[in-house]
Amino acid sequence: MSQDLLFPPPHSNADLEEGLALTPKFDADGLVTCVTTDAASGDVLMVAHMNAEALARTVATGEAWYYSRSRRALWRKGETSGHTQRVVEMRVDCDQDAIWLKVEQIAGACHTGRRSCFYRAVPLGQKGGAVKLEFRDERVFDPKTVYQDNKR
């Protein structure tokens, strides 16, 4: 199904920047960065990567698929946790080297149990010493009960 989708290289910069063909610019590892936000709130939920197969499956199914660099495997968001992402809109940036997914997120997006992977803030204005992060979000689920192997 999704393997039928092709992502040909652009013929020119004009095709890349102004054309209608999806021609993602995958990096040397065959990946493109994907920023995922909540469609309703606009909050950034996570940043991940997609290979051609993950991108094709996302387009074909309307569900978020990614490529895990640490596990070296394709994965559908929520396949273990049940915390799926239904894609509301997919955008590509001007030179097609980044994808933006706007999703409806079921429960939390982060494997730590939080709604977003961006749950800590970096205080600004510090002139010296070690920077101490500040927590901004509480857990919305217990990762120990959701992930059996907990190897995320």
Protein backbone atom coordinates (compact mmCIF):
# COMPACT_ATOMS: atom_id res chain seq x y z
CA MET A 1 0.00 0.00 0.00
CA SER A 2 2.41 2.73 1.15
CA GLN A 3 5.26 1.18 -0.82
CA ASP A 4 3.52 2.40 -3.98
CA LEU A 5 4.31 6.00 -3.03
CA LEU A 6 7.41 7.41 -4.66
CA PHE A 7 9.39 10.43 -3.62
CA PRO A 8 11.38 11.43 -6.70
CA PRO A 9 14.19 13.96 -6.43
CA PRO A 10 13.32 17.49 -7.58
CA HIS A 11 14.51 18.63 -10.98
CA SER A 12 15.45 22.10 -9.74
CA ASN A 13 15.31 24.41 -6.73
CA ALA A 14 12.17 25.94 -8.20
CA ASP A 15 10.55 22.48 -8.24
CA LEU A 16 11.69 21.89 -4.68
CA GLU A 17 10.51 25.24 -3.30
CA GLU A 18 7.48 26.05 -5.47
CA GLY A 19 6.48 22.74 -7.06
CA LEU A 20 3.57 20.50 -6.15
CA ALA A 21 5.49 17.21 -5.86
CA LEU A 22 6.48 15.88 -2.45
CA THR A 23 10.22 15.41 -2.91
CA PRO A 24 11.67 15.19 0.60
CA LYS A 25 15.35 15.81 1.04
CA PHE A 26 16.44 12.84 3.16
CA ASP A 27 19.79 13.14 4.96
CA ALA A 28 22.78 10.80 4.50
CA ASP A 29 21.06 8.25 6.78
CA GLY A 30 17.88 8.34 4.70
CA LEU A 31 15.96 10.35 7.31
CA VAL A 32 14.01 13.59 7.45
CA THR A 33 13.26 15.44 10.71
CA CYS A 34 9.63 15.57 11.78
CA VAL A 35 8.19 18.10 14.24
CA THR A 36 4.85 17.01 15.71
CA THR A 37 2.42 19.44 17.32
CA ASP A 38 -1.02 19.19 18.86
CA ALA A 39 -3.55 20.26 16.22
CA ALA A 40 -5.81 21.98 18.78
CA SER A 41 -3.33 23.76 21.07
CA GLY A 42 -0.31 24.13 18.79
CA ASP A 43 1.95 22.74 21.54
CA VAL A 44 5.08 20.95 20.33
CA LEU A 45 4.68 17.31 21.33
CA MET A 46 7.81 15.71 19.93
CA VAL A 47 10.57 15.76 17.33
CA ALA A 48 11.39 12.49 15.59
CA HIS A 49 12.62 11.21 12.25
CA MET A 50 11.01 9.53 9.27
CA ASN A 51 12.53 7.38 6.57
CA ALA A 52 10.79 6.99 3.20
CA GLU A 53 8.68 4.09 4.47
CA ALA A 54 7.52 5.97 7.60
CA LEU A 55 6.62 8.99 5.49
CA ALA A 56 4.77 6.86 2.94
CA ARG A 57 2.81 5.01 5.66
CA THR A 58 1.90 8.30 7.34
CA VAL A 59 0.59 9.70 4.05
CA ALA A 60 -1.28 6.48 3.23
CA THR A 61 -2.85 5.80 6.65
CA GLY A 62 -3.29 9.21 8.28
CA GLU A 63 -1.55 7.85 11.37
CA ALA A 64 1.91 8.99 12.50
CA TRP A 65 4.76 6.62 11.65
CA TYR A 66 8.39 7.29 12.52
CA TYR A 67 11.81 5.71 12.26
CA SER A 68 13.59 5.09 15.56
CA ARG A 69 17.30 5.78 15.23
CA SER A 70 18.08 4.06 18.55
CA ARG A 71 16.15 0.88 17.70
CA ARG A 72 16.84 1.14 13.96
CA ALA A 73 13.22 0.27 13.28
CA LEU A 74 10.02 1.64 11.83
CA TRP A 75 7.31 2.32 14.42
CA ARG A 76 3.73 3.54 14.49
CA LYS A 77 3.21 6.01 17.30
CA GLY A 78 1.11 4.31 19.94
CA GLU A 79 1.72 0.72 18.83
CA THR A 80 2.96 -0.14 22.34
CA SER A 81 1.28 2.48 24.50
CA GLY A 82 -2.01 2.95 22.65
CA HIS A 83 -1.26 6.69 22.62
CA THR A 84 -1.76 7.12 18.90
CA GLN A 85 -1.47 10.20 16.73
CA ARG A 86 -4.10 10.87 14.07
CA VAL A 87 -2.66 13.26 11.52
CA VAL A 88 -4.88 16.29 10.92
CA GLU A 89 -2.45 18.06 8.61
CA MET A 90 1.02 17.38 7.23
CA ARG A 91 3.27 20.15 5.97
CA VAL A 92 6.73 20.23 4.47
CA ASP A 93 9.16 23.14 4.82
CA CYS A 94 10.49 25.27 1.94
CA ASP A 95 13.39 23.00 1.00
CA GLN A 96 11.58 19.78 1.98
CA ASP A 97 14.08 18.67 4.60
CA ALA A 98 11.63 18.83 7.51
CA ILE A 99 8.08 17.58 8.04
CA TRP A 100 5.50 19.14 10.36
CA LEU A 101 2.64 16.96 11.59
CA LYS A 102 -0.39 18.47 13.29
CA VAL A 103 -2.00 15.62 15.19
CA GLU A 104 -4.77 14.61 17.54
CA GLN A 105 -2.76 13.01 20.34
CA ILE A 106 -4.33 10.29 22.46
CA ALA A 107 -3.01 10.65 26.05
CA GLY A 108 0.68 11.57 26.33
CA ALA A 109 3.21 11.73 23.52
CA CYS A 110 6.35 11.24 25.61
CA HIS A 111 7.65 7.87 26.81
CA THR A 112 8.35 9.52 30.20
CA GLY A 113 4.59 9.78 30.80
CA ARG A 114 4.15 13.43 29.88
CA ARG A 115 1.94 15.05 27.28
CA SER A 116 4.96 16.49 25.44
CA CYS A 117 8.62 15.52 25.14
CA PHE A 118 9.37 19.19 25.87
CA TYR A 119 8.48 19.15 29.58
CA ARG A 120 11.52 21.04 30.92
CA ALA A 121 12.42 24.69 30.44
CA VAL A 122 15.88 26.20 30.23
CA PRO A 123 16.06 29.37 32.34
CA LEU A 124 17.48 32.29 30.41
CA GLY A 125 19.76 35.08 31.58
CA GLN A 126 22.15 32.94 33.59
CA LYS A 127 25.74 34.20 33.34
CA GLY A 128 27.75 31.38 34.94
CA GLY A 129 27.65 27.95 36.49
CA ALA A 130 25.67 24.87 35.54
CA VAL A 131 22.24 25.45 34.07
CA LYS A 132 19.45 23.81 36.09
CA LEU A 133 16.37 22.77 34.10
CA GLU A 134 12.87 23.59 35.38
CA PHE A 135 9.99 21.10 35.08
CA ARG A 136 6.88 22.48 33.38
CA ASP A 137 4.62 19.46 32.93
CA GLU A 138 3.45 16.67 35.22
CA ARG A 139 3.07 13.07 34.12
CA VAL A 140 -0.27 12.18 32.53
CA PHE A 141 0.36 8.42 32.66
CA ASP A 142 2.67 5.96 34.37
CA PRO A 143 5.20 4.72 31.80
CA LYS A 144 5.95 1.58 33.85
CA THR A 145 2.39 0.35 33.37
CA VAL A 146 2.20 1.36 29.70
CA TYR A 147 5.53 0.05 28.37
CA GLN A 148 6.26 -3.59 29.10
CA ASP A 149 9.91 -3.52 28.04
CA ASN A 150 10.50 0.15 29.04
CA LYS A 151 13.39 0.30 26.50
CA ARG A 152 12.35 3.57 24.89
